[in-house]
PDB file of N, CA and C in Angstrom:
ATOM      1  N   MET A   1      10.489 -46.574-133.359  1.00  0.00           N
ATOM      2  CA  MET A   1      10.753 -47.317-132.219  1.00  0.00           C
ATOM      3  C   MET A   1      10.136 -48.253-131.982  1.00  0.00           C
ATOM      4  N   LYS A   2       8.969 -48.677-132.369  1.00  0.00           N
ATOM      5  CA  LYS A   2       7.945 -49.723-131.737  1.00  0.00           C
ATOM      6  C   LYS A   2       8.633 -50.799-132.173  1.00  0.00           C
ATOM      7  N   THR A   3       9.146 -50.554-133.513  1.00  0.00           N
ATOM      8  CA  THR A   3       9.482 -52.070-133.900  1.00  0.00           C
ATOM      9  C   THR A   3      11.374 -52.050-134.041  1.00  0.00           C
ATOM     10  N   VAL A   4      11.917 -51.226-133.317  1.00  0.00           N
ATOM     11  CA  VAL A   4      13.384 -51.384-132.172  1.00  0.00           C
ATOM     12  C   VAL A   4      13.275 -52.388-131.274  1.00  0.00           C
ATOM     13  N   GLU A   5      14.106 -53.385-131.348  1.00  0.00           N
ATOM     14  CA  GLU A   5      14.578 -53.845-130.095  1.00  0.00           C
ATOM     15  C   GLU A   5      14.619 -53.126-128.773  1.00  0.00           C
ATOM     16  N   PRO A   6      14.237 -53.218-127.862  1.00  0.00           N
ATOM     17  CA  PRO A   6      14.594 -52.497-126.958  1.00  0.00           C
ATOM     18  C   PRO A   6      15.638 -52.017-125.716  1.00  0.00           C
ATOM     19  N   GLU A   7      16.755 -52.986-126.379  1.00  0.00           N
ATOM     20  CA  GLU A   7      18.168 -52.408-126.632  1.00  0.00           C
ATOM     21  C   GLU A   7      18.712 -51.251-126.867  1.00  0.00           C
ATOM     22  N   TRP A   8      18.056 -50.888-127.619  1.00  0.00           N
ATOM     23  CA  TRP A   8      18.656 -49.627-128.563  1.00  0.00           C
ATOM     24  C   TRP A   8      17.893 -48.186-128.028  1.00  0.00           C
ATOM     25  N   LYS A   9      18.666 -47.786-127.957  1.00  0.00           N
ATOM     26  CA  LYS A   9      18.247 -46.190-127.586  1.00  0.00           C
ATOM     27  C   LYS A   9      18.447 -44.824-128.396  1.00  0.00           C
ATOM     28  N   LEU A  10      17.754 -44.366-128.341  1.00  0.00           N
ATOM     29  CA  LEU A  10      18.115 -42.690-129.303  1.00  0.00           C
ATOM     30  C   LEU A  10      18.478 -41.636-128.685  1.00  0.00           C
ATOM     31  N   MET A  11      19.352 -41.724-129.856  1.00  0.00           N
ATOM     32  CA  MET A  11      20.526 -40.356-129.511  1.00  0.00           C
ATOM     33  C   MET A  11      19.933 -39.236-130.172  1.00  0.00           C
ATOM     34  N   MET A  12      20.152 -38.245-129.166  1.00  0.00           N
ATOM     35  CA  MET A  12      19.251 -36.883-129.049  1.00  0.00           C
ATOM     36  C   MET A  12      20.196 -35.246-129.559  1.00  0.00           C
ATOM     37  N   TRP A  13      20.354 -34.515-130.465  1.00  0.00           N
ATOM     38  CA  TRP A  13      20.225 -33.664-130.254  1.00  0.00           C
ATOM     39  C   TRP A  13      19.993 -32.511-129.645  1.00  0.00           C
ATOM     40  N   ASP A  14      20.291 -31.532-128.432  1.00  0.00           N
ATOM     41  CA  ASP A  14      19.747 -30.800-128.230  1.00  0.00           C
ATOM     42  C   ASP A  14      19.463 -29.966-128.955  1.00  0.00           C
ATOM     43  N   GLY A  15      18.638 -29.303-129.798  1.00  0.00           N
ATOM     44  CA  GLY A  15      18.214 -28.234-130.809  1.00  0.00           C
ATOM     45  C   GLY A  15      19.042 -26.378-130.359  1.00  0.00           C
ATOM     46  N   ASP A  16      19.098 -26.172-129.330  1.00  0.00           N
ATOM     47  CA  ASP A  16      19.162 -25.270-129.199  1.00  0.00           C
ATOM     48  C   ASP A  16      21.269 -24.698-128.489  1.00  0.00           C
ATOM     49  N   SER A  17      21.320 -26.148-128.011  1.00  0.00           N
ATOM     50  CA  SER A  17      22.496 -25.820-128.190  1.00  0.00           C
ATOM     51  C   SER A  17      23.466 -27.074-129.026  1.00  0.00           C
ATOM     52  N   GLY A  18      22.621 -27.474-129.647  1.00  0.00           N
ATOM     53  CA  GLY A  18      23.860 -28.515-130.349  1.00  0.00           C
ATOM     54  C   GLY A  18      24.208 -29.916-130.089  1.00  0.00           C
ATOM     55  N   ASP A  19      24.243 -30.108-128.307  1.00  0.00           N
ATOM     56  CA  ASP A  19      24.766 -30.693-127.556  1.00  0.00           C
ATOM     57  C   ASP A  19      23.705 -32.024-127.830  1.00  0.00           C
ATOM     58  N   GLU A  20      24.515 -33.572-128.135  1.00  0.00           N
ATOM     59  CA  GLU A  20      24.531 -34.680-127.846  1.00  0.00           C
ATOM     60  C   GLU A  20      24.088 -35.217-126.768  1.00  0.00           C
ATOM     61  N   HIS A  21      22.899 -36.302-126.266  1.00  0.00           N
ATOM     62  CA  HIS A  21      22.571 -36.225-125.474  1.00  0.00           C
ATOM     63  C   HIS A  21      21.787 -38.186-125.629  1.00  0.00           C
ATOM     64  N   ASP A  22      22.017 -38.607-124.438  1.00  0.00           N
ATOM     65  CA  ASP A  22      21.054 -40.014-124.664  1.00  0.00           C
ATOM     66  C   ASP A  22      19.877 -39.816-124.938  1.00  0.00           C
ATOM     67  N   SER A  23      19.340 -41.285-124.599  1.00  0.00           N
ATOM     68  CA  SER A  23      17.492 -41.097-124.960  1.00  0.00           C
ATOM     69  C   SER A  23      17.137 -40.586-123.978  1.00  0.00           C
ATOM     70  N   ILE A  24      15.452 -40.485-124.198  1.00  0.00           N
ATOM     71  CA  ILE A  24      14.936 -39.764-123.228  1.00  0.00           C
ATOM     72  C   ILE A  24      14.388 -41.251-122.292  1.00  0.00           C
ATOM     73  N   GLU A  25      14.661 -41.393-120.814  1.00  0.00           N
ATOM     74  CA  GLU A  25      13.869 -42.703-120.533  1.00  0.00           C
ATOM     75  C   GLU A  25      12.769 -42.372-119.711  1.00  0.00           C
ATOM     76  N   ASN A  26      11.751 -42.918-119.440  1.00  0.00           N
ATOM     77  CA  ASN A  26      10.896 -43.187-118.597  1.00  0.00           C
ATOM     78  C   ASN A  26      10.982 -43.717-117.103  1.00  0.00           C
ATOM     79  N   GLU A  27      10.095 -43.470-115.948  1.00  0.00           N
ATOM     80  CA  GLU A  27      10.359 -43.645-114.368  1.00  0.00           C
ATOM     81  C   GLU A  27      10.881 -45.126-115.031  1.00  0.00           C
ATOM     82  N   THR A  28      10.328 -46.066-115.680  1.00  0.00           N
ATOM     83  CA  THR A  28      11.344 -47.608-115.016  1.00  0.00           C
ATOM     84  C   THR A  28      12.587 -47.682-115.989  1.00  0.00           C
ATOM     85  N   GLY A  29      13.605 -46.813-116.696  1.00  0.00           N
ATOM     86  CA  GLY A  29      14.648 -46.005-116.643  1.00  0.00           C
ATOM     87  C   GLY A  29      14.870 -47.233-118.983  1.00  0.00           C
ATOM     88  N   LYS A  30      13.686 -47.364-118.786  1.00  0.00           N
ATOM     89  CA  LYS A  30      13.171 -47.486-120.620  1.00  0.00           C
ATOM     90  C   LYS A  30      13.048 -46.647-121.310  1.00  0.00           C
ATOM     91  N   SER A  31      13.831 -46.382-122.591  1.00  0.00           N
ATOM     92  CA  SER A  31      13.502 -45.094-123.636  1.00  0.00           C
ATOM     93  C   SER A  31      11.654 -45.653-123.672  1.00  0.00           C
ATOM     94  N   ASP A  32      11.341 -44.084-124.093  1.00  0.00           N
ATOM     95  CA  ASP A  32      10.048 -44.347-124.428  1.00  0.00           C
ATOM     96  C   ASP A  32       9.527 -43.961-125.815  1.00  0.00           C
ATOM     97  N   GLY A  33      10.609 -43.832-126.615  1.00  0.00           N
ATOM     98  CA  GLY A  33      10.487 -42.927-127.684  1.00  0.00           C
ATOM     99  C   GLY A  33      10.846 -41.834-128.136  1.00  0.00           C
ATOM    100  N   SER A  34      10.004 -41.302-127.046  1.00  0.00           N
ATOM    101  CA  SER A  34       9.397 -39.869-126.844  1.00  0.00           C
ATOM    102  C   SER A  34      10.073 -38.889-127.483  1.00  0.00           C
ATOM    103  N   VAL A  35      10.011 -37.694-127.777  1.00  0.00           N
ATOM    104  CA  VAL A  35      10.868 -36.487-128.285  1.00  0.00           C
ATOM    105  C   VAL A  35      10.616 -35.502-127.113  1.00  0.00           C
ATOM    106  N   ASP A  36      11.299 -34.990-126.407  1.00  0.00           N
ATOM    107  CA  ASP A  36      10.916 -33.986-125.385  1.00  0.00           C
ATOM    108  C   ASP A  36      11.492 -32.285-125.558  1.00  0.00           C
ATOM    109  N   GLY A  37      11.004 -31.698-125.803  1.00  0.00           N
ATOM    110  CA  GLY A  37      10.951 -30.063-126.343  1.00  0.00           C
ATOM    111  C   GLY A  37      11.370 -30.274-127.190  1.00  0.00           C
ATOM    112  N   ASP A  38      12.942 -29.040-127.447  1.00  0.00           N
ATOM    113  CA  ASP A  38      13.583 -29.359-128.571  1.00  0.00           C
ATOM    114  C   ASP A  38      14.723 -30.343-128.958  1.00  0.00           C
ATOM    115  N   PHE A  39      14.493 -31.297-128.127  1.00  0.00           N
ATOM    116  CA  PHE A  39      15.597 -32.522-127.849  1.00  0.00           C
ATOM    117  C   PHE A  39      15.228 -33.416-129.703  1.00  0.00           C
ATOM    118  N   VAL A  40      15.959 -33.451-130.656  1.00  0.00           N
ATOM    119  CA  VAL A  40      15.389 -34.271-132.061  1.00  0.00           C
ATOM    120  C   VAL A  40      16.318 -35.228-131.865  1.00  0.00           C
ATOM    121  N   PRO A  41      16.006 -35.939-131.956  1.00  0.00           N
ATOM    122  CA  PRO A  41      16.151 -37.620-132.673  1.00  0.00           C
ATOM    123  C   PRO A  41      17.371 -37.643-133.788  1.00  0.00           C
ATOM    124  N   TYR A  42      18.680 -38.265-133.691  1.00  0.00           N
ATOM    125  CA  TYR A  42      19.421 -38.160-134.881  1.00  0.00           C
ATOM    126  C   TYR A  42      19.501 -39.759-135.398  1.00  0.00           C
ATOM    127  N   GLY A  43      19.351 -40.429-134.161  1.00  0.00           N
ATOM    128  CA  GLY A  43      19.673 -42.066-134.432  1.00  0.00           C
ATOM    129  C   GLY A  43      20.039 -42.961-133.307  1.00  0.00           C
ATOM    130  N   ILE A  44      20.062 -44.207-133.316  1.00  0.00           N
ATOM    131  CA  ILE A  44      19.856 -44.942-132.494  1.00  0.00           C
ATOM    132  C   ILE A  44      21.466 -45.498-132.047  1.00  0.00           C
ATOM    133  N   SER A  45      21.114 -45.652-131.056  1.00  0.00           N
ATOM    134  CA  SER A  45      22.765 -46.754-130.300  1.00  0.00           C
ATOM    135  C   SER A  45      22.433 -47.819-129.475  1.00  0.00           C
ATOM    136  N   ARG A  46      23.495 -48.713-129.582  1.00  0.00           N
ATOM    137  CA  ARG A  46      22.996 -49.982-128.174  1.00  0.00           C
ATOM    138  C   ARG A  46      24.648 -50.271-128.388  1.00  0.00           C
ATOM    139  N   VAL A  47      24.128 -51.020-127.047  1.00  0.00           N
ATOM    140  CA  VAL A  47      25.846 -51.276-126.326  1.00  0.00           C
ATOM    141  C   VAL A  47      25.664 -53.050-125.732  1.00  0.00           C
ATOM    142  N   PHE A  48      26.933 -53.204-126.548  1.00  0.00           N
ATOM    143  CA  PHE A  48      27.366 -55.139-126.489  1.00  0.00           C
ATOM    144  C   PHE A  48      28.547 -55.438-125.490  1.00  0.00           C
ATOM    145  N   TRP A  49      28.010 -56.090-124.381  1.00  0.00           N
ATOM    146  CA  TRP A  49      29.026 -56.296-123.806  1.00  0.00           C
ATOM    147  C   TRP A  49      30.342 -57.812-124.285  1.00  0.00           C
ATOM    148  N   HIS A  50      31.318 -57.611-123.806  1.00  0.00           N
ATOM    149  CA  HIS A  50      32.154 -58.835-124.599  1.00  0.00           C
ATOM    150  C   HIS A  50      32.648 -59.325-123.210  1.00  0.00           C
ATOM    151  N   GLU A  51      33.223 -61.011-123.141  1.00  0.00           N
ATOM    152  CA  GLU A  51      34.033 -61.233-122.644  1.00  0.00           C
ATOM    153  C   GLU A  51      35.636 -60.514-121.884  1.00  0.00           C
ATOM    154  N   ASP A  52      36.196 -60.497-123.261  1.00  0.00           N
ATOM    155  CA  ASP A  52      37.452 -59.516-123.563  1.00  0.00           C
ATOM    156  C   ASP A  52      37.769 -58.850-124.412  1.00  0.00           C
ATOM    157  N   TYR A  53      38.781 -58.411-124.425  1.00  0.00           N
ATOM    158  CA  TYR A  53      38.922 -56.907-125.298  1.00  0.00           C
ATOM    159  C   TYR A  53      39.453 -57.429-126.850  1.00  0.00           C
ATOM    160  N   MET A  54      39.400 -58.615-126.898  1.00  0.00           N
ATOM    161  CA  MET A  54      39.816 -59.433-128.261  1.00  0.00           C
ATOM    162  C   MET A  54      38.715 -59.837-128.838  1.00  0.00           C
ATOM    163  N   LEU A  55      37.838 -60.382-128.133  1.00  0.00           N
ATOM    164  CA  LEU A  55      36.075 -60.623-128.356  1.00  0.00           C
ATOM    165  C   LEU A  55      35.493 -59.413-128.808  1.00  0.00           C
ATOM    166  N   GLY A  56      36.102 -58.294-127.999  1.00  0.00           N
ATOM    167  CA  GLY A  56      35.231 -56.950-128.519  1.00  0.00           C
ATOM    168  C   GLY A  56      35.723 -56.375-129.646  1.00  0.00           C
ATOM    169  N   ALA A  57      37.494 -56.330-130.147  1.00  0.00           N
ATOM    170  CA  ALA A  57      37.576 -56.252-131.365  1.00  0.00           C
ATOM    171  C   ALA A  57      36.940 -57.217-132.445  1.00  0.00           C
ATOM    172  N   LYS A  58      36.871 -58.173-131.898  1.00  0.00           N
ATOM    173  CA  LYS A  58      36.376 -58.836-132.885  1.00  0.00           C
ATOM    174  C   LYS A  58      35.017 -58.741-133.942  1.00  0.00           C
ATOM    175  N   PHE A  59      34.215 -58.361-132.688  1.00  0.00           N
ATOM    176  CA  PHE A  59      32.867 -57.606-133.437  1.00  0.00           C
ATOM    177  C   PHE A  59      33.109 -56.993-133.848  1.00  0.00           C
ATOM    178  N   CYS A  60      34.239 -55.713-133.745  1.00  0.00           N
ATOM    179  CA  CYS A  60      34.072 -54.376-134.583  1.00  0.00           C
ATOM    180  C   CYS A  60      34.320 -54.602-135.514  1.00  0.00           C
ATOM    181  N   THR A  61      35.173 -55.858-136.230  1.00  0.00           N
ATOM    182  CA  THR A  61      35.390 -56.103-137.288  1.00  0.00           C
ATOM    183  C   THR A  61      33.990 -56.219-138.152  1.00  0.00           C
ATOM    184  N   HIS A  62      33.425 -57.942-137.119  1.00  0.00           N
ATOM    185  CA  HIS A  62      32.197 -57.870-137.991  1.00  0.00           C
ATOM    186  C   HIS A  62      31.262 -57.519-138.448  1.00  0.00           C
ATOM    187  N   VAL A  63      30.915 -56.031-137.468  1.00  0.00           N
ATOM    188  CA  VAL A  63      30.889 -55.099-137.774  1.00  0.00           C
ATOM    189  C   VAL A  63      30.828 -53.911-139.070  1.00  0.00           C
ATOM    190  N   ALA A  64      31.755 -54.029-139.454  1.00  0.00           N
ATOM    191  CA  ALA A  64      32.563 -53.172-140.283  1.00  0.00           C
ATOM    192  C   ALA A  64      32.431 -54.559-141.529  1.00  0.00           C
ATOM    193  N   ALA A  65      32.714 -55.789-141.271  1.00  0.00           N
ATOM    194  CA  ALA A  65      31.749 -56.548-142.774  1.00  0.00           C
ATOM    195  C   ALA A  65      30.757 -56.788-143.443  1.00  0.00           C
ATOM    196  N   VAL A  66      29.686 -56.391-142.236  1.00  0.00           N
ATOM    197  CA  VAL A  66      27.726 -56.291-142.562  1.00  0.00           C
ATOM    198  C   VAL A  66      27.945 -55.142-143.149  1.00  0.00           C
ATOM    199  N   ALA A  67      28.786 -54.123-142.478  1.00  0.00           N
ATOM    200  CA  ALA A  67      28.353 -52.810-143.058  1.00  0.00           C
ATOM    201  C   ALA A  67      28.754 -52.349-144.621  1.00  0.00           C
ATOM    202  N   GLN A  68      30.104 -52.963-145.287  1.00  0.00           N
ATOM    203  CA  GLN A  68      30.575 -52.723-145.904  1.00  0.00           C
ATOM    204  C   GLN A  68      30.021 -53.913-147.339  1.00  0.00           C
ATOM    205  N   MET A  69      29.326 -54.971-146.605  1.00  0.00           N
ATOM    206  CA  MET A  69      28.169 -56.036-147.482  1.00  0.00           C
ATOM    207  C   MET A  69      26.761 -54.788-147.653  1.00  0.00           C
ATOM    208  N   ASN A  70      26.205 -54.725-146.836  1.00  0.00           N
ATOM    209  CA  ASN A  70      25.215 -53.881-146.906  1.00  0.00           C
ATOM    210  C   ASN A  70      24.667 -52.735-147.311  1.00  0.00           C
ATOM    211  N   ALA A  71      25.561 -52.120-148.666  1.00  0.00           N
ATOM    212  CA  ALA A  71      24.914 -51.272-149.573  1.00  0.00           C
ATOM    213  C   ALA A  71      25.890 -49.945-149.133  1.00  0.00           C
ATOM    214  N   GLN A  72      27.013 -49.962-148.437  1.00  0.00           N
ATOM    215  CA  GLN A  72      27.688 -49.033-147.429  1.00  0.00           C
ATOM    216  C   GLN A  72      27.105 -48.561-146.945  1.00  0.00           C
ATOM    217  N   HIS A  73      25.810 -49.001-145.896  1.00  0.00           N
ATOM    218  CA  HIS A  73      24.888 -48.533-144.582  1.00  0.00           C
ATOM    219  C   HIS A  73      26.221 -49.016-142.920  1.00  0.00           C
ATOM    220  N   PHE A  74      27.078 -47.371-143.205  1.00  0.00           N
ATOM    221  CA  PHE A  74      28.062 -47.594-141.952  1.00  0.00           C
ATOM    222  C   PHE A  74      27.168 -47.409-141.057  1.00  0.00           C
ATOM    223  N   PRO A  75      27.910 -47.815-139.741  1.00  0.00           N
ATOM    224  CA  PRO A  75      27.193 -47.270-138.352  1.00  0.00           C
ATOM    225  C   PRO A  75      27.987 -45.664-138.375  1.00  0.00           C
ATOM    226  N   HIS A  76      27.368 -44.678-137.574  1.00  0.00           N
ATOM    227  CA  HIS A  76      28.001 -43.549-137.224  1.00  0.00           C
ATOM    228  C   HIS A  76      29.072 -43.232-136.635  1.00  0.00           C
ATOM    229  N   GLU A  77      29.002 -44.302-135.554  1.00  0.00           N
ATOM    230  CA  GLU A  77      29.842 -44.537-134.337  1.00  0.00           C
ATOM    231  C   GLU A  77      30.096 -45.957-134.280  1.00  0.00           C
ATOM    232  N   VAL A  78      31.666 -46.391-134.546  1.00  0.00           N
ATOM    233  CA  VAL A  78      31.510 -47.898-133.696  1.00  0.00           C
ATOM    234  C   VAL A  78      32.550 -48.123-132.305  1.00  0.00           C
ATOM    235  N   ILE A  79      32.671 -47.920-130.992  1.00  0.00           N
ATOM    236  CA  ILE A  79      33.345 -47.807-129.909  1.00  0.00           C
ATOM    237  C   ILE A  79      33.855 -48.548-128.734  1.00  0.00           C
ATOM    238  N   LEU A  80      34.494 -49.158-128.919  1.00  0.00           N
ATOM    239  CA  LEU A  80      35.495 -49.953-127.924  1.00  0.00           C
ATOM    240  C   LEU A  80      35.601 -49.735-126.487  1.00  0.00           C
ATOM    241  N   HIS A  81      34.859 -50.013-125.486  1.00  0.00           N
ATOM    242  CA  HIS A  81      35.462 -49.445-124.150  1.00  0.00           C
ATOM    243  C   HIS A  81      35.692 -50.106-123.312  1.00  0.00           C
ATOM    244  N   ARG A  82      36.216 -49.802-122.152  1.00  0.00           N
ATOM    245  CA  ARG A  82      36.941 -50.747-120.791  1.00  0.00           C
ATOM    246  C   ARG A  82      36.387 -49.558-119.571  1.00  0.00           C
ATOM    247  N   LYS A  83      35.454 -50.080-118.832  1.00  0.00           N
ATOM    248  CA  LYS A  83      34.755 -49.616-117.779  1.00  0.00           C
ATOM    249  C   LYS A  83      34.385 -50.409-116.562  1.00  0.00           C
ATOM    250  N   LEU A  84      33.885 -50.023-115.366  1.00  0.00           N
ATOM    251  CA  LEU A  84      33.214 -51.034-114.571  1.00  0.00           C
ATOM    252  C   LEU A  84      32.280 -51.115-114.824  1.00  0.00           C
ATOM    253  N   HIS A  85      31.755 -52.665-114.665  1.00  0.00           N
ATOM    254  CA  HIS A  85      30.540 -53.069-115.465  1.00  0.00           C
ATOM    255  C   HIS A  85      29.955 -54.048-113.447  1.00  0.00           C
ATOM    256  N   ARG A  86      29.139 -53.595-112.877  1.00  0.00           N
ATOM    257  CA  ARG A  86      28.796 -54.774-111.974  1.00  0.00           C
ATOM    258  C   ARG A  86      29.619 -55.110-111.233  1.00  0.00           C
ATOM    259  N   ARG A  87      30.671 -54.300-110.656  1.00  0.00           N
ATOM    260  CA  ARG A  87      31.872 -54.231-109.802  1.00  0.00           C
ATOM    261  C   ARG A  87      33.125 -55.078-110.793  1.00  0.00           C
ATOM    262  N   ASN A  88      32.988 -55.379-112.111  1.00  0.00           N
ATOM    263  CA  ASN A  88      34.466 -55.644-112.600  1.00  0.00           C
ATOM    264  C   ASN A  88      34.876 -55.050-113.659  1.00  0.00           C
ATOM    265  N   TRP A  89      35.780 -55.548-114.004  1.00  0.00           N
ATOM    266  CA  TRP A  89      35.903 -54.382-115.491  1.00  0.00           C
ATOM    267  C   TRP A  89      35.694 -55.366-116.883  1.00  0.00           C
ATOM    268  N   GLY A  90      34.642 -54.351-117.208  1.00  0.00           N
ATOM    269  CA  GLY A  90      33.980 -55.056-118.558  1.00  0.00           C
ATOM    270  C   GLY A  90      34.697 -54.334-119.702  1.00  0.00           C
ATOM    271  N   ILE A  91      34.155 -55.250-120.880  1.00  0.00           N
ATOM    272  CA  ILE A  91      34.692 -54.498-122.355  1.00  0.00           C
ATOM    273  C   ILE A  91      32.983 -54.271-123.138  1.00  0.00           C
ATOM    274  N   PHE A  92      32.926 -53.155-123.587  1.00  0.00           N
ATOM    275  CA  PHE A  92      31.748 -53.087-124.389  1.00  0.00           C
ATOM    276  C   PHE A  92      31.850 -52.518-125.700  1.00  0.00           C
ATOM    277  N   THR A  93      31.173 -52.928-126.780  1.00  0.00           N
ATOM    278  CA  THR A  93      31.428 -52.247-128.136  1.00  0.00           C
ATOM    279  C   THR A  93      30.058 -50.875-127.980  1.00  0.00           C
ATOM    280  N   GLN A  94      30.218 -50.031-128.052  1.00  0.00           N
ATOM    281  CA  GLN A  94      28.417 -49.125-128.749  1.00  0.00           C
ATOM    282  C   GLN A  94      28.661 -48.920-129.813  1.00  0.00           C
ATOM    283  N   ILE A  95      27.152 -49.363-130.644  1.00  0.00           N
ATOM    284  CA  ILE A  95      27.187 -48.949-132.085  1.00  0.00           C
ATOM    285  C   ILE A  95      26.449 -47.810-131.885  1.00  0.00           C
ATOM    286  N   GLY A  96      26.078 -46.643-132.725  1.00  0.00           N
ATOM    287  CA  GLY A  96      25.323 -45.828-132.808  1.00  0.00           C
ATOM    288  C   GLY A  96      25.130 -45.662-134.699  1.00  0.00           C
ATOM    289  N   THR A  97      23.967 -45.770-135.140  1.00  0.00           N
ATOM    290  CA  THR A  97      23.760 -45.423-136.869  1.00  0.00           C
ATOM    291  C   THR A  97      23.074 -44.085-136.876  1.00  0.00           C
ATOM    292  N   LEU A  98      22.486 -43.520-137.827  1.00  0.00           N
ATOM    293  CA  LEU A  98      21.979 -41.982-137.703  1.00  0.00           C
ATOM    294  C   LEU A  98      20.592 -42.461-138.252  1.00  0.00           C
ATOM    295  N   LEU A  99      19.278 -41.791-138.114  1.00  0.00           N
ATOM    296  CA  LEU A  99      18.566 -42.301-138.653  1.00  0.00           C
ATOM    297  C   LEU A  99      18.182 -41.846-140.284  1.00  0.00           C
TER     298      LEU A  99
END
């Protein structure tokens, strides 16, 4: 994780229940890359914010094209969402890839 930009977060499996969890964060709210207890990292994820829905959709298409060109290394998930962000509705894409 030391070579990965700080915007990328660990995706964790709970070894006991098999549930997915977000990254483990330290007191400052930043992921420190540590593994705690039975939580096992299985991938990394990042959120990209967009000005509108069409820009988010174009971004998803661009991610798919790059993945196709790079030896079939497809992201685990590409999700286009709309949610409140800083008191306004925002559009974001969440990209997740397996380790």
